[in-house]
């Protein structure tokens, strides 16, 4: 069995340190990508909310037009 020396332990620790550094860098990249995705989702949510608001306004406007033309199916 190979003798465990301080030099061997040092080399293993240097490799572990390098691996941890790589993991941290990968984590930062994933975090940045996740933040970009979150920003896009928020923008998409706002766009959908705007579309719903436009739809509600059009519904209300159409109801007013139908009432004025007296073609509404539901009496008000």
Protein backbone atom coordinates (compact mmCIF):
# COMPACT_ATOMS: atom_id res chain seq x y z
CA UNK A 1 0.00 0.00 0.00
CA UNK A 2 1.29 3.47 -0.91
CA UNK A 3 2.51 5.63 1.90
CA UNK A 4 0.33 8.65 2.63
CA UNK A 5 2.52 11.72 2.71
CA UNK A 6 1.79 15.36 3.20
CA UNK A 7 2.60 15.98 -0.46
CA UNK A 8 -0.04 13.43 -1.52
CA UNK A 9 -2.61 14.98 0.82
CA UNK A 10 -1.67 18.44 -0.51
CA UNK A 11 -2.20 17.34 -4.13
CA UNK A 12 -5.59 15.83 -3.29
CA UNK A 13 -6.64 19.00 -1.46
CA UNK A 14 -5.54 21.14 -4.43
CA UNK A 15 -7.69 18.98 -6.73
CA UNK A 16 -10.67 19.28 -4.37
CA UNK A 17 -10.19 23.04 -4.22
CA UNK A 18 -10.12 23.20 -8.03
CA UNK A 19 -13.28 21.08 -8.26
CA UNK A 20 -15.10 23.29 -5.73
CA UNK A 21 -14.05 26.39 -7.68
CA UNK A 22 -15.54 24.86 -10.84
CA UNK A 23 -18.75 24.00 -9.01
CA UNK A 24 -19.08 27.55 -7.71
CA UNK A 25 -18.59 28.96 -11.20
CA UNK A 26 -21.21 26.60 -12.59
CA UNK A 27 -23.57 27.59 -9.79
CA UNK A 28 -23.10 31.27 -10.66
CA UNK A 29 -23.89 30.56 -14.31
CA UNK A 30 -27.03 28.63 -13.39
CA UNK A 31 -28.08 31.39 -11.02
CA UNK A 32 -27.68 34.01 -13.76
CA UNK A 33 -29.66 31.87 -16.19
CA UNK A 34 -32.39 31.36 -13.59
CA UNK A 35 -32.59 35.11 -12.95
CA UNK A 36 -32.92 35.75 -16.70
CA UNK A 37 -35.68 33.15 -16.90
CA UNK A 38 -37.44 34.72 -13.92
CA UNK A 39 -37.29 38.13 -15.60
CA UNK A 40 -38.79 36.69 -18.79
CA UNK A 41 -41.57 34.99 -16.83
CA UNK A 42 -42.46 38.22 -15.06
CA UNK A 43 -42.60 40.02 -18.42
CA UNK A 44 -44.79 37.25 -19.84
CA UNK A 45 -47.10 37.44 -16.83
CA UNK A 46 -47.45 41.20 -17.31
CA UNK A 47 -48.21 40.72 -21.00
CA UNK A 48 -50.93 38.18 -20.21
CA UNK A 49 -52.40 40.52 -17.59
CA UNK A 50 -52.44 43.34 -20.15
CA UNK A 51 -54.24 41.09 -22.64
CA UNK A 52 -56.87 40.21 -20.03
CA UNK A 53 -57.35 43.91 -19.26
CA UNK A 54 -57.82 44.69 -22.95
CA UNK A 55 -60.33 41.83 -23.23
CA UNK A 56 -62.33 43.15 -20.28
CA UNK A 57 -62.39 46.65 -21.76
CA UNK A 58 -63.58 45.30 -25.11
CA UNK A 59 -66.29 43.24 -23.38
CA UNK A 60 -67.53 46.29 -21.49
CA UNK A 61 -67.48 48.39 -24.64
CA UNK A 62 -69.35 45.74 -26.62
CA UNK A 63 -72.00 45.50 -23.89
CA UNK A 64 -72.51 49.28 -24.01
CA UNK A 65 -72.81 49.19 -27.80
CA UNK A 66 -75.33 46.32 -27.64
CA UNK A 67 -77.40 48.19 -25.06
CA UNK A 68 -77.41 51.35 -27.17
CA UNK A 69 -78.45 49.40 -30.27
CA UNK A 70 -80.92 47.43 -28.18
CA UNK A 71 -79.59 44.11 -29.46
CA UNK A 72 -78.51 42.74 -26.11
CA UNK A 73 -79.77 39.22 -25.41
CA UNK A 74 -79.73 39.72 -21.66
CA UNK A 75 -82.07 42.48 -20.41
CA UNK A 76 -80.39 44.96 -18.10
